[in-house]
PDB file of N, CA and C in Angstrom:
ATOM      1  N   MET A   1     -98.297 180.487  73.118  1.00  0.00           N
ATOM      2  CA  MET A   1     -99.615 181.235  73.674  1.00  0.00           C
ATOM      3  C   MET A   1     -98.573 182.420  73.381  1.00  0.00           C
ATOM      4  N   THR A   2     -99.548 183.810  73.557  1.00  0.00           N
ATOM      5  CA  THR A   2     -99.464 184.846  73.652  1.00  0.00           C
ATOM      6  C   THR A   2     -99.163 185.156  74.641  1.00  0.00           C
ATOM      7  N   ARG A   3     -99.187 186.051  74.938  1.00  0.00           N
ATOM      8  CA  ARG A   3     -99.485 187.007  76.549  1.00  0.00           C
ATOM      9  C   ARG A   3     -99.908 188.339  76.181  1.00  0.00           C
ATOM     10  N   LYS A   4    -101.167 188.313  76.506  1.00  0.00           N
ATOM     11  CA  LYS A   4    -101.180 190.118  76.227  1.00  0.00           C
ATOM     12  C   LYS A   4    -100.268 191.438  77.468  1.00  0.00           C
ATOM     13  N   ARG A   5    -100.710 191.941  75.671  1.00  0.00           N
ATOM     14  CA  ARG A   5     -99.549 193.039  76.368  1.00  0.00           C
ATOM     15  C   ARG A   5    -100.319 194.525  77.815  1.00  0.00           C
ATOM     16  N   LYS A   6     -99.955 194.692  78.605  1.00  0.00           N
ATOM     17  CA  LYS A   6    -100.415 195.453  79.138  1.00  0.00           C
ATOM     18  C   LYS A   6    -100.725 197.069  78.772  1.00  0.00           C
ATOM     19  N   PRO A   7    -101.531 197.915  78.396  1.00  0.00           N
ATOM     20  CA  PRO A   7    -102.549 198.514  77.432  1.00  0.00           C
ATOM     21  C   PRO A   7    -101.052 199.497  78.725  1.00  0.00           C
ATOM     22  N   ARG A   8    -100.916 200.972  77.926  1.00  0.00           N
ATOM     23  CA  ARG A   8    -100.034 201.924  78.150  1.00  0.00           C
ATOM     24  C   ARG A   8    -101.513 203.469  78.503  1.00  0.00           C
ATOM     25  N   ARG A   9    -100.559 203.312  80.063  1.00  0.00           N
ATOM     26  CA  ARG A   9    -102.033 204.642  79.730  1.00  0.00           C
ATOM     27  C   ARG A   9    -101.079 205.865  80.155  1.00  0.00           C
ATOM     28  N   ARG A  10    -101.611 206.435  79.221  1.00  0.00           N
ATOM     29  CA  ARG A  10    -100.482 207.714  78.860  1.00  0.00           C
ATOM     30  C   ARG A  10    -102.066 209.079  79.073  1.00  0.00           C
ATOM     31  N   MET A  11    -101.301 209.787  79.841  1.00  0.00           N
ATOM     32  CA  MET A  11    -102.004 211.052  80.005  1.00  0.00           C
ATOM     33  C   MET A  11    -102.588 211.372  78.921  1.00  0.00           C
ATOM     34  N   VAL A  12    -103.826 211.927  79.442  1.00  0.00           N
ATOM     35  CA  VAL A  12    -104.817 213.225  77.460  1.00  0.00           C
ATOM     36  C   VAL A  12    -104.431 214.387  77.456  1.00  0.00           C
ATOM     37  N   TYR A  13    -104.456 215.014  77.854  1.00  0.00           N
ATOM     38  CA  TYR A  13    -103.926 216.223  77.492  1.00  0.00           C
ATOM     39  C   TYR A  13    -105.319 216.663  76.728  1.00  0.00           C
ATOM     40  N   SER A  14    -105.614 218.345  77.002  1.00  0.00           N
ATOM     41  CA  SER A  14    -106.611 218.667  76.639  1.00  0.00           C
ATOM     42  C   SER A  14    -106.946 220.314  76.607  1.00  0.00           C
ATOM     43  N   THR A  15    -107.756 220.587  75.600  1.00  0.00           N
ATOM     44  CA  THR A  15    -107.715 222.709  75.773  1.00  0.00           C
ATOM     45  C   THR A  15    -110.003 221.971  76.356  1.00  0.00           C
ATOM     46  N   THR A  16    -110.399 223.240  76.938  1.00  0.00           N
ATOM     47  CA  THR A  16    -112.152 222.630  77.017  1.00  0.00           C
ATOM     48  C   THR A  16    -112.223 224.133  77.039  1.00  0.00           C
ATOM     49  N   ALA A  17    -113.508 224.147  76.478  1.00  0.00           N
ATOM     50  CA  ALA A  17    -114.092 225.425  77.211  1.00  0.00           C
ATOM     51  C   ALA A  17    -115.837 225.532  77.563  1.00  0.00           C
ATOM     52  N   GLY A  18    -116.008 226.519  78.812  1.00  0.00           N
ATOM     53  CA  GLY A  18    -116.967 226.501  79.625  1.00  0.00           C
ATOM     54  C   GLY A  18    -117.262 227.681  79.751  1.00  0.00           C
ATOM     55  N   PHE A  19    -117.830 227.718  81.234  1.00  0.00           N
ATOM     56  CA  PHE A  19    -117.969 228.493  81.501  1.00  0.00           C
ATOM     57  C   PHE A  19    -117.408 229.344  82.529  1.00  0.00           C
ATOM     58  N   ASN A  20    -117.244 230.767  82.538  1.00  0.00           N
ATOM     59  CA  ASN A  20    -117.276 231.968  84.006  1.00  0.00           C
ATOM     60  C   ASN A  20    -116.908 230.538  85.118  1.00  0.00           C
ATOM     61  N   ASP A  21    -118.182 230.250  85.736  1.00  0.00           N
ATOM     62  CA  ASP A  21    -118.054 229.615  87.121  1.00  0.00           C
ATOM     63  C   ASP A  21    -117.488 227.700  86.769  1.00  0.00           C
ATOM     64  N   GLY A  22    -116.608 227.530  86.046  1.00  0.00           N
ATOM     65  CA  GLY A  22    -115.953 226.448  86.015  1.00  0.00           C
ATOM     66  C   GLY A  22    -116.552 224.979  84.540  1.00  0.00           C
ATOM     67  N   SER A  23    -118.173 225.395  84.883  1.00  0.00           N
ATOM     68  CA  SER A  23    -118.506 224.624  84.309  1.00  0.00           C
ATOM     69  C   SER A  23    -117.624 224.358  82.839  1.00  0.00           C
ATOM     70  N   VAL A  24    -117.463 222.610  82.404  1.00  0.00           N
ATOM     71  CA  VAL A  24    -116.811 223.005  81.247  1.00  0.00           C
ATOM     72  C   VAL A  24    -118.095 222.281  80.070  1.00  0.00           C
ATOM     73  N   ILE A  25    -118.068 223.126  78.691  1.00  0.00           N
ATOM     74  CA  ILE A  25    -119.575 222.669  77.788  1.00  0.00           C
ATOM     75  C   ILE A  25    -118.701 221.374  76.978  1.00  0.00           C
ATOM     76  N   ALA A  26    -117.103 221.266  76.582  1.00  0.00           N
ATOM     77  CA  ALA A  26    -117.290 221.220  75.937  1.00  0.00           C
ATOM     78  C   ALA A  26    -115.197 220.692  75.605  1.00  0.00           C
ATOM     79  N   CYS A  27    -115.246 219.546  75.356  1.00  0.00           N
ATOM     80  CA  CYS A  27    -113.116 219.607  76.240  1.00  0.00           C
ATOM     81  C   CYS A  27    -112.835 218.318  74.147  1.00  0.00           C
ATOM     82  N   GLY A  28    -111.929 219.087  73.882  1.00  0.00           N
ATOM     83  CA  GLY A  28    -110.679 218.534  73.253  1.00  0.00           C
ATOM     84  C   GLY A  28    -109.491 217.470  73.090  1.00  0.00           C
ATOM     85  N   PRO A  29    -108.872 216.831  72.544  1.00  0.00           N
ATOM     86  CA  PRO A  29    -108.036 216.470  73.088  1.00  0.00           C
ATOM     87  C   PRO A  29    -105.931 217.155  71.731  1.00  0.00           C
ATOM     88  N   GLU A  30    -105.799 217.273  72.768  1.00  0.00           N
ATOM     89  CA  GLU A  30    -104.686 218.290  72.224  1.00  0.00           C
ATOM     90  C   GLU A  30    -103.273 217.396  72.865  1.00  0.00           C
ATOM     91  N   ARG A  31    -102.403 217.943  72.049  1.00  0.00           N
ATOM     92  CA  ARG A  31    -100.846 216.929  72.450  1.00  0.00           C
ATOM     93  C   ARG A  31     -99.918 217.807  73.193  1.00  0.00           C
ATOM     94  N   LYS A  32     -98.935 217.384  74.042  1.00  0.00           N
ATOM     95  CA  LYS A  32     -99.364 218.307  75.373  1.00  0.00           C
ATOM     96  C   LYS A  32     -98.308 219.513  74.653  1.00  0.00           C
ATOM     97  N   PRO A  33     -97.745 220.521  75.157  1.00  0.00           N
ATOM     98  CA  PRO A  33     -97.268 221.150  74.657  1.00  0.00           C
ATOM     99  C   PRO A  33     -95.610 221.125  75.318  1.00  0.00           C
ATOM    100  N   SER A  34     -95.057 221.439  74.142  1.00  0.00           N
ATOM    101  CA  SER A  34     -93.124 221.162  74.211  1.00  0.00           C
ATOM    102  C   SER A  34     -92.741 221.858  75.321  1.00  0.00           C
ATOM    103  N   ALA A  35     -91.676 221.128  76.858  1.00  0.00           N
ATOM    104  CA  ALA A  35     -91.630 222.066  77.804  1.00  0.00           C
ATOM    105  C   ALA A  35     -90.977 223.559  77.480  1.00  0.00           C
ATOM    106  N   LYS A  36     -90.644 224.533  76.439  1.00  0.00           N
ATOM    107  CA  LYS A  36     -90.505 225.715  75.838  1.00  0.00           C
ATOM    108  C   LYS A  36     -91.204 225.922  75.814  1.00  0.00           C
ATOM    109  N   ARG A  37     -92.053 225.794  75.089  1.00  0.00           N
ATOM    110  CA  ARG A  37     -94.082 226.762  75.114  1.00  0.00           C
ATOM    111  C   ARG A  37     -94.079 227.036  76.286  1.00  0.00           C
ATOM    112  N   MET A  38     -93.876 225.492  77.028  1.00  0.00           N
ATOM    113  CA  MET A  38     -94.873 225.416  78.106  1.00  0.00           C
ATOM    114  C   MET A  38     -94.234 227.278  79.043  1.00  0.00           C
ATOM    115  N   LYS A  39     -93.180 226.758  78.722  1.00  0.00           N
ATOM    116  CA  LYS A  39     -92.351 228.212  80.230  1.00  0.00           C
ATOM    117  C   LYS A  39     -92.350 229.364  79.047  1.00  0.00           C
ATOM    118  N   GLU A  40     -92.152 229.037  78.011  1.00  0.00           N
ATOM    119  CA  GLU A  40     -91.942 230.920  77.703  1.00  0.00           C
ATOM    120  C   GLU A  40     -93.459 231.310  77.184  1.00  0.00           C
ATOM    121  N   ASP A  41     -94.999 231.265  77.443  1.00  0.00           N
ATOM    122  CA  ASP A  41     -96.608 231.251  77.790  1.00  0.00           C
ATOM    123  C   ASP A  41     -96.746 230.992  78.588  1.00  0.00           C
ATOM    124  N   GLY A  42     -95.930 230.053  79.830  1.00  0.00           N
ATOM    125  CA  GLY A  42     -96.134 230.517  81.664  1.00  0.00           C
ATOM    126  C   GLY A  42     -97.169 229.436  81.318  1.00  0.00           C
ATOM    127  N   ILE A  43     -97.784 228.075  79.945  1.00  0.00           N
ATOM    128  CA  ILE A  43     -98.419 227.069  80.705  1.00  0.00           C
ATOM    129  C   ILE A  43     -98.681 225.919  81.676  1.00  0.00           C
ATOM    130  N   PHE A  44     -99.903 226.265  81.922  1.00  0.00           N
ATOM    131  CA  PHE A  44    -100.012 224.726  83.754  1.00  0.00           C
ATOM    132  C   PHE A  44    -100.668 223.819  83.029  1.00  0.00           C
ATOM    133  N   ILE A  45    -100.228 222.686  83.658  1.00  0.00           N
ATOM    134  CA  ILE A  45    -101.300 221.828  83.107  1.00  0.00           C
ATOM    135  C   ILE A  45    -101.489 221.463  84.358  1.00  0.00           C
ATOM    136  N   ASP A  46    -102.860 220.969  84.551  1.00  0.00           N
ATOM    137  CA  ASP A  46    -103.915 221.080  86.066  1.00  0.00           C
ATOM    138  C   ASP A  46    -103.949 219.193  86.086  1.00  0.00           C
ATOM    139  N   ASP A  47    -103.947 218.872  87.092  1.00  0.00           N
ATOM    140  CA  ASP A  47    -104.105 217.203  87.119  1.00  0.00           C
ATOM    141  C   ASP A  47    -105.159 216.831  86.469  1.00  0.00           C
ATOM    142  N   ASP A  48    -105.953 217.104  85.890  1.00  0.00           N
ATOM    143  CA  ASP A  48    -107.255 216.695  84.616  1.00  0.00           C
ATOM    144  C   ASP A  48    -106.357 216.166  82.685  1.00  0.00           C
ATOM    145  N   GLY A  49    -104.818 216.660  82.979  1.00  0.00           N
ATOM    146  CA  GLY A  49    -103.814 217.169  81.305  1.00  0.00           C
ATOM    147  C   GLY A  49    -104.674 218.584  81.069  1.00  0.00           C
ATOM    148  N   VAL A  50    -105.825 220.179  81.846  1.00  0.00           N
ATOM    149  CA  VAL A  50    -106.383 220.623  81.192  1.00  0.00           C
ATOM    150  C   VAL A  50    -105.171 221.929  81.447  1.00  0.00           C
ATOM    151  N   PHE A  51    -104.851 222.277  79.893  1.00  0.00           N
ATOM    152  CA  PHE A  51    -103.514 223.716  79.888  1.00  0.00           C
ATOM    153  C   PHE A  51    -104.098 224.435  79.054  1.00  0.00           C
ATOM    154  N   LYS A  52    -105.551 224.529  78.712  1.00  0.00           N
ATOM    155  CA  LYS A  52    -105.231 225.346  78.556  1.00  0.00           C
ATOM    156  C   LYS A  52    -107.466 225.863  77.924  1.00  0.00           C
ATOM    157  N   GLU A  53    -107.635 226.831  78.871  1.00  0.00           N
ATOM    158  CA  GLU A  53    -109.568 226.665  78.744  1.00  0.00           C
ATOM    159  C   GLU A  53    -109.992 228.165  78.150  1.00  0.00           C
ATOM    160  N   SER A  54    -111.164 227.854  77.888  1.00  0.00           N
ATOM    161  CA  SER A  54    -111.581 229.395  77.035  1.00  0.00           C
ATOM    162  C   SER A  54    -113.314 229.242  77.969  1.00  0.00           C
ATOM    163  N   HIS A  55    -113.602 230.160  78.607  1.00  0.00           N
ATOM    164  CA  HIS A  55    -114.471 230.789  78.573  1.00  0.00           C
ATOM    165  C   HIS A  55    -114.966 231.867  78.710  1.00  0.00           C
ATOM    166  N   TYR A  56    -116.515 231.095  78.628  1.00  0.00           N
ATOM    167  CA  TYR A  56    -117.569 232.400  78.616  1.00  0.00           C
ATOM    168  C   TYR A  56    -118.423 232.692  78.754  1.00  0.00           C
ATOM    169  N   SER A  57    -118.742 234.231  78.608  1.00  0.00           N
ATOM    170  CA  SER A  57    -120.149 234.892  79.101  1.00  0.00           C
ATOM    171  C   SER A  57    -121.065 234.277  79.407  1.00  0.00           C
ATOM    172  N   ALA A  58    -122.041 233.830  79.949  1.00  0.00           N
ATOM    173  CA  ALA A  58    -123.528 233.964  79.877  1.00  0.00           C
ATOM    174  C   ALA A  58    -124.346 234.813  78.335  1.00  0.00           C
ATOM    175  N   SER A  59    -123.694 235.738  77.957  1.00  0.00           N
ATOM    176  CA  SER A  59    -124.358 236.209  77.167  1.00  0.00           C
ATOM    177  C   SER A  59    -124.560 236.777  75.634  1.00  0.00           C
ATOM    178  N   CYS A  60    -123.330 235.019  75.459  1.00  0.00           N
ATOM    179  CA  CYS A  60    -122.772 234.273  74.141  1.00  0.00           C
ATOM    180  C   CYS A  60    -123.453 233.130  74.114  1.00  0.00           C
ATOM    181  N   TRP A  61    -124.725 232.295  75.411  1.00  0.00           N
ATOM    182  CA  TRP A  61    -126.107 231.741  74.334  1.00  0.00           C
ATOM    183  C   TRP A  61    -126.094 231.524  73.633  1.00  0.00           C
ATOM    184  N   LYS A  62    -127.280 233.477  73.188  1.00  0.00           N
ATOM    185  CA  LYS A  62    -127.433 233.761  72.658  1.00  0.00           C
ATOM    186  C   LYS A  62    -127.057 233.530  70.753  1.00  0.00           C
ATOM    187  N   THR A  63    -125.457 233.168  70.632  1.00  0.00           N
ATOM    188  CA  THR A  63    -125.693 233.923  69.741  1.00  0.00           C
ATOM    189  C   THR A  63    -125.216 231.913  68.850  1.00  0.00           C
ATOM    190  N   TRP A  64    -125.630 231.334  70.503  1.00  0.00           N
ATOM    191  CA  TRP A  64    -124.823 229.906  69.605  1.00  0.00           C
ATOM    192  C   TRP A  64    -126.237 229.231  68.994  1.00  0.00           C
ATOM    193  N   ASP A  65    -126.249 228.221  67.765  1.00  0.00           N
ATOM    194  CA  ASP A  65    -127.412 227.703  67.600  1.00  0.00           C
ATOM    195  C   ASP A  65    -128.245 227.049  67.932  1.00  0.00           C
ATOM    196  N   VAL A  66    -129.032 225.969  67.723  1.00  0.00           N
ATOM    197  CA  VAL A  66    -129.907 225.750  68.321  1.00  0.00           C
ATOM    198  C   VAL A  66    -129.072 223.781  68.445  1.00  0.00           C
ATOM    199  N   GLU A  67    -128.577 223.283  68.058  1.00  0.00           N
ATOM    200  CA  GLU A  67    -127.898 221.954  68.178  1.00  0.00           C
ATOM    201  C   GLU A  67    -126.452 222.575  69.231  1.00  0.00           C
ATOM    202  N   GLN A  68    -126.460 223.625  69.389  1.00  0.00           N
ATOM    203  CA  GLN A  68    -124.578 223.861  70.882  1.00  0.00           C
ATOM    204  C   GLN A  68    -126.137 224.425  72.226  1.00  0.00           C
ATOM    205  N   ARG A  69    -126.778 225.111  71.986  1.00  0.00           N
ATOM    206  CA  ARG A  69    -127.863 224.587  72.916  1.00  0.00           C
ATOM    207  C   ARG A  69    -128.631 223.628  73.038  1.00  0.00           C
ATOM    208  N   VAL A  70    -128.302 222.514  72.585  1.00  0.00           N
ATOM    209  CA  VAL A  70    -129.092 221.454  73.141  1.00  0.00           C
ATOM    210  C   VAL A  70    -127.695 220.523  74.410  1.00  0.00           C
ATOM    211  N   LYS A  71    -126.974 221.369  73.644  1.00  0.00           N
ATOM    212  CA  LYS A  71    -125.699 219.760  73.622  1.00  0.00           C
ATOM    213  C   LYS A  71    -124.961 220.310  75.159  1.00  0.00           C
ATOM    214  N   ALA A  72    -125.274 221.954  75.229  1.00  0.00           N
ATOM    215  CA  ALA A  72    -124.889 222.459  76.338  1.00  0.00           C
ATOM    216  C   ALA A  72    -125.200 222.264  77.423  1.00  0.00           C
ATOM    217  N   VAL A  73    -126.998 222.476  77.633  1.00  0.00           N
ATOM    218  CA  VAL A  73    -127.978 222.359  77.896  1.00  0.00           C
ATOM    219  C   VAL A  73    -127.845 220.908  79.226  1.00  0.00           C
ATOM    220  N   THR A  74    -127.887 219.864  78.412  1.00  0.00           N
ATOM    221  CA  THR A  74    -127.661 218.042  78.961  1.00  0.00           C
ATOM    222  C   THR A  74    -126.324 218.591  79.897  1.00  0.00           C
ATOM    223  N   ILE A  75    -125.097 218.972  79.426  1.00  0.00           N
ATOM    224  CA  ILE A  75    -123.970 219.035  79.389  1.00  0.00           C
ATOM    225  C   ILE A  75    -123.676 219.761  81.318  1.00  0.00           C
ATOM    226  N   LEU A  76    -124.222 220.736  81.624  1.00  0.00           N
ATOM    227  CA  LEU A  76    -124.792 221.427  82.470  1.00  0.00           C
ATOM    228  C   LEU A  76    -125.631 220.432  82.940  1.00  0.00           C
ATOM    229  N   ALA A  77    -127.109 220.032  82.661  1.00  0.00           N
ATOM    230  CA  ALA A  77    -127.158 219.255  83.712  1.00  0.00           C
ATOM    231  C   ALA A  77    -127.191 218.256  84.712  1.00  0.00           C
ATOM    232  N   ASN A  78    -126.111 217.504  83.622  1.00  0.00           N
ATOM    233  CA  ASN A  78    -125.604 216.768  84.622  1.00  0.00           C
ATOM    234  C   ASN A  78    -124.622 217.019  85.077  1.00  0.00           C
ATOM    235  N   ARG A  79    -124.050 218.366  85.163  1.00  0.00           N
ATOM    236  CA  ARG A  79    -123.086 219.071  86.258  1.00  0.00           C
ATOM    237  C   ARG A  79    -124.003 218.559  87.345  1.00  0.00           C
ATOM    238  N   LEU A  80    -124.731 219.666  86.793  1.00  0.00           N
ATOM    239  CA  LEU A  80    -125.706 219.624  88.405  1.00  0.00           C
ATOM    240  C   LEU A  80    -126.541 218.568  89.443  1.00  0.00           C
ATOM    241  N   ASN A  81    -126.656 217.952  88.142  1.00  0.00           N
ATOM    242  CA  ASN A  81    -127.445 217.154  89.297  1.00  0.00           C
ATOM    243  C   ASN A  81    -125.529 215.724  89.849  1.00  0.00           C
ATOM    244  N   THR A  82    -124.863 216.009  89.170  1.00  0.00           N
ATOM    245  CA  THR A  82    -123.100 215.115  90.029  1.00  0.00           C
ATOM    246  C   THR A  82    -123.194 215.583  91.118  1.00  0.00           C
ATOM    247  N   ARG A  83    -123.618 217.138  90.760  1.00  0.00           N
ATOM    248  CA  ARG A  83    -122.598 217.694  92.328  1.00  0.00           C
ATOM    249  C   ARG A  83    -124.203 217.637  92.945  1.00  0.00           C
ATOM    250  N   ARG A  84    -125.349 217.854  93.450  1.00  0.00           N
ATOM    251  CA  ARG A  84    -125.965 217.945  93.943  1.00  0.00           C
ATOM    252  C   ARG A  84    -126.451 216.229  94.341  1.00  0.00           C
ATOM    253  N   ALA A  85    -126.155 215.020  93.965  1.00  0.00           N
ATOM    254  CA  ALA A  85    -125.692 213.955  93.819  1.00  0.00           C
ATOM    255  C   ALA A  85    -125.087 214.025  95.509  1.00  0.00           C
ATOM    256  N   ILE A  86    -123.512 214.236  94.950  1.00  0.00           N
ATOM    257  CA  ILE A  86    -122.236 214.177  95.443  1.00  0.00           C
ATOM    258  C   ILE A  86    -122.806 215.193  97.431  1.00  0.00           C
ATOM    259  N   ARG A  87    -123.259 216.120  96.779  1.00  0.00           N
ATOM    260  CA  ARG A  87    -123.582 216.464  97.803  1.00  0.00           C
ATOM    261  C   ARG A  87    -124.982 216.101  99.043  1.00  0.00           C
ATOM    262  N   GLU A  88    -125.330 215.686  98.712  1.00  0.00           N
ATOM    263  CA  GLU A  88    -126.881 214.923  99.568  1.00  0.00           C
ATOM    264  C   GLU A  88    -126.507 213.160  99.499  1.00  0.00           C
ATOM    265  N   LEU A  89    -125.528 212.148  98.968  1.00  0.00           N
ATOM    266  CA  LEU A  89    -125.405 211.194  99.175  1.00  0.00           C
ATOM    267  C   LEU A  89    -123.550 210.854  99.947  1.00  0.00           C
ATOM    268  N   VAL A  90    -122.868 211.428  99.533  1.00  0.00           N
ATOM    269  CA  VAL A  90    -121.197 211.554  99.712  1.00  0.00           C
ATOM    270  C   VAL A  90    -121.438 212.002 100.752  1.00  0.00           C
ATOM    271  N   LEU A  91    -121.081 213.916 101.288  1.00  0.00           N
ATOM    272  CA  LEU A  91    -120.491 214.219 101.664  1.00  0.00           C
ATOM    273  C   LEU A  91    -121.122 214.333 103.454  1.00  0.00           C
ATOM    274  N   PRO A  92    -122.497 213.227 103.818  1.00  0.00           N
ATOM    275  CA  PRO A  92    -123.114 213.165 104.802  1.00  0.00           C
ATOM    276  C   PRO A  92    -121.832 211.952 105.550  1.00  0.00           C
ATOM    277  N   GLU A  93    -121.787 210.752 104.460  1.00  0.00           N
ATOM    278  CA  GLU A  93    -120.589 210.436 104.386  1.00  0.00           C
ATOM    279  C   GLU A  93    -119.569 210.280 105.382  1.00  0.00           C
ATOM    280  N   ILE A  94    -118.988 211.083 104.746  1.00  0.00           N
ATOM    281  CA  ILE A  94    -117.356 211.251 104.443  1.00  0.00           C
ATOM    282  C   ILE A  94    -117.110 212.047 106.091  1.00  0.00           C
ATOM    283  N   ALA A  95    -118.661 213.077 106.850  1.00  0.00           N
ATOM    284  CA  ALA A  95    -119.444 213.863 107.866  1.00  0.00           C
ATOM    285  C   ALA A  95    -118.690 212.705 109.360  1.00  0.00           C
ATOM    286  N   GLY A  96    -119.534 211.487 108.507  1.00  0.00           N
ATOM    287  CA  GLY A  96    -120.065 210.480 109.533  1.00  0.00           C
ATOM    288  C   GLY A  96    -118.273 209.837 109.574  1.00  0.00           C
ATOM    289  N   ILE A  97    -118.408 209.466 109.291  1.00  0.00           N
ATOM    290  CA  ILE A  97    -116.925 209.192 108.958  1.00  0.00           C
ATOM    291  C   ILE A  97    -115.586 210.230 109.094  1.00  0.00           C
ATOM    292  N   ALA A  98    -115.449 211.166 109.635  1.00  0.00           N
ATOM    293  CA  ALA A  98    -114.370 211.951 109.919  1.00  0.00           C
ATOM    294  C   ALA A  98    -115.105 212.175 111.208  1.00  0.00           C
ATOM    295  N   ALA A  99    -116.151 211.522 112.036  1.00  0.00           N
ATOM    296  CA  ALA A  99    -116.780 211.982 113.426  1.00  0.00           C
ATOM    297  C   ALA A  99    -116.288 210.693 114.113  1.00  0.00           C
ATOM    298  N   THR A 100    -116.058 209.673 113.815  1.00  0.00           N
ATOM    299  CA  THR A 100    -116.675 207.827 113.990  1.00  0.00           C
ATOM    300  C   THR A 100    -113.884 208.509 113.957  1.00  0.00           C
ATOM    301  N   LEU A 101    -113.603 208.617 113.263  1.00  0.00           N
ATOM    302  CA  LEU A 101    -112.200 208.771 113.160  1.00  0.00           C
ATOM    303  C   LEU A 101    -111.757 210.178 114.522  1.00  0.00           C
ATOM    304  N   ASP A 102    -112.831 210.784 115.167  1.00  0.00           N
ATOM    305  CA  ASP A 102    -112.292 211.219 116.024  1.00  0.00           C
ATOM    306  C   ASP A 102    -111.909 210.889 117.610  1.00  0.00           C
ATOM    307  N   ARG A 103    -114.293 210.287 117.679  1.00  0.00           N
ATOM    308  CA  ARG A 103    -113.983 209.261 118.489  1.00  0.00           C
ATOM    309  C   ARG A 103    -113.051 208.087 118.659  1.00  0.00           C
ATOM    310  N   ILE A 104    -112.365 207.819 117.626  1.00  0.00           N
ATOM    311  CA  ILE A 104    -110.889 206.460 117.942  1.00  0.00           C
ATOM    312  C   ILE A 104    -109.852 207.198 118.312  1.00  0.00           C
ATOM    313  N   GLU A 105    -109.663 207.903 117.390  1.00  0.00           N
ATOM    314  CA  GLU A 105    -108.305 209.360 117.864  1.00  0.00           C
ATOM    315  C   GLU A 105    -108.334 209.212 119.933  1.00  0.00           C
ATOM    316  N   ARG A 106    -110.123 209.501 120.550  1.00  0.00           N
ATOM    317  CA  ARG A 106    -110.135 209.896 121.843  1.00  0.00           C
ATOM    318  C   ARG A 106    -109.743 208.619 122.321  1.00  0.00           C
ATOM    319  N   ARG A 107    -110.678 208.005 121.946  1.00  0.00           N
ATOM    320  CA  ARG A 107    -110.723 206.378 122.611  1.00  0.00           C
ATOM    321  C   ARG A 107    -109.054 205.840 122.891  1.00  0.00           C
ATOM    322  N   LEU A 108    -108.177 206.015 121.836  1.00  0.00           N
ATOM    323  CA  LEU A 108    -107.296 205.550 121.784  1.00  0.00           C
ATOM    324  C   LEU A 108    -105.704 206.886 123.307  1.00  0.00           C
ATOM    325  N   ASP A 109    -106.224 207.925 122.287  1.00  0.00           N
ATOM    326  CA  ASP A 109    -105.609 208.642 123.891  1.00  0.00           C
ATOM    327  C   ASP A 109    -105.897 208.268 124.680  1.00  0.00           C
ATOM    328  N   ALA A 110    -106.998 208.076 125.611  1.00  0.00           N
ATOM    329  CA  ALA A 110    -107.548 207.549 126.944  1.00  0.00           C
ATOM    330  C   ALA A 110    -106.567 206.958 127.027  1.00  0.00           C
ATOM    331  N   ILE A 111    -106.629 205.622 126.324  1.00  0.00           N
ATOM    332  CA  ILE A 111    -106.156 203.595 126.618  1.00  0.00           C
ATOM    333  C   ILE A 111    -104.442 205.066 126.883  1.00  0.00           C
ATOM    334  N   GLU A 112    -103.973 205.408 125.757  1.00  0.00           N
ATOM    335  CA  GLU A 112    -102.158 205.465 125.844  1.00  0.00           C
ATOM    336  C   GLU A 112    -102.237 205.931 127.399  1.00  0.00           C
ATOM    337  N   ARG A 113    -102.808 207.083 127.338  1.00  0.00           N
ATOM    338  CA  ARG A 113    -102.535 207.943 128.691  1.00  0.00           C
ATOM    339  C   ARG A 113    -102.729 206.708 130.395  1.00  0.00           C
ATOM    340  N   SER A 114    -103.605 206.176 130.182  1.00  0.00           N
ATOM    341  CA  SER A 114    -103.900 205.016 131.006  1.00  0.00           C
ATOM    342  C   SER A 114    -102.684 203.981 131.135  1.00  0.00           C
ATOM    343  N   VAL A 115    -102.334 203.299 129.972  1.00  0.00           N
ATOM    344  CA  VAL A 115    -101.985 202.560 129.588  1.00  0.00           C
ATOM    345  C   VAL A 115     -99.807 203.022 130.640  1.00  0.00           C
ATOM    346  N   ASP A 116     -99.570 204.464 129.638  1.00  0.00           N
ATOM    347  CA  ASP A 116     -97.894 205.012 130.266  1.00  0.00           C
ATOM    348  C   ASP A 116     -98.327 205.679 130.732  1.00  0.00           C
ATOM    349  N   GLY A 117     -98.759 205.651 131.455  1.00  0.00           N
ATOM    350  CA  GLY A 117     -99.470 207.014 132.234  1.00  0.00           C
ATOM    351  C   GLY A 117     -99.281 208.171 132.160  1.00  0.00           C
ATOM    352  N   GLY A 118     -99.274 208.762 131.336  1.00  0.00           N
ATOM    353  CA  GLY A 118     -99.557 210.053 130.047  1.00  0.00           C
ATOM    354  C   GLY A 118     -97.946 210.130 129.707  1.00  0.00           C
ATOM    355  N   LYS A 119     -97.322 209.165 129.335  1.00  0.00           N
ATOM    356  CA  LYS A 119     -95.814 209.170 128.539  1.00  0.00           C
ATOM    357  C   LYS A 119     -96.074 209.409 127.044  1.00  0.00           C
ATOM    358  N   ALA A 120     -96.631 208.236 127.160  1.00  0.00           N
ATOM    359  CA  ALA A 120     -97.261 208.031 125.164  1.00  0.00           C
ATOM    360  C   ALA A 120     -97.926 209.254 123.939  1.00  0.00           C
ATOM    361  N   SER A 121     -98.881 209.962 125.407  1.00  0.00           N
ATOM    362  CA  SER A 121     -99.032 211.327 124.516  1.00  0.00           C
ATOM    363  C   SER A 121     -97.635 212.904 124.124  1.00  0.00           C
ATOM    364  N   GLN A 122     -97.203 212.282 125.881  1.00  0.00           N
ATOM    365  CA  GLN A 122     -96.131 213.498 125.698  1.00  0.00           C
ATOM    366  C   GLN A 122     -94.812 213.520 123.863  1.00  0.00           C
ATOM    367  N   ARG A 123     -94.084 211.858 123.853  1.00  0.00           N
ATOM    368  CA  ARG A 123     -93.679 211.520 122.767  1.00  0.00           C
ATOM    369  C   ARG A 123     -94.317 211.999 121.957  1.00  0.00           C
ATOM    370  N   ALA A 124     -95.727 211.498 121.706  1.00  0.00           N
ATOM    371  CA  ALA A 124     -96.557 212.142 120.417  1.00  0.00           C
ATOM    372  C   ALA A 124     -96.319 213.385 119.554  1.00  0.00           C
ATOM    373  N   ALA A 125     -96.360 214.402 121.024  1.00  0.00           N
ATOM    374  CA  ALA A 125     -95.952 216.106 120.679  1.00  0.00           C
ATOM    375  C   ALA A 125     -94.903 216.085 120.558  1.00  0.00           C
ATOM    376  N   GLU A 126     -93.655 215.027 120.697  1.00  0.00           N
ATOM    377  CA  GLU A 126     -92.915 216.405 120.399  1.00  0.00           C
ATOM    378  C   GLU A 126     -92.234 215.087 118.559  1.00  0.00           C
TER     379      GLU A 126
END
């Protein structure tokens, strides 16, 4: 019986092209820059593995051909829909969880004060 190898999960480094507001319309993989090049050129690799970004202004839109425009419009629409979904669905849930944690923390503080006569909250402050 052969043992299945665990897949190696390496960071994929990339360069991106997008607009000045941070929306990315294209991304391509590239080799990780060497330590020497990173130091000389002042390259920073973010958490997503992006180390080189090209930004375009909205006026560049007019010079693109139809195929590029169609792809960019689709990507930008997906980005907008994702942001709206997060804003409408996820953020209210996070706010509810934060409010619940605040209530639990206040109740726990009250319990600690009643049990220890206030000594536990003094220890936590130290």
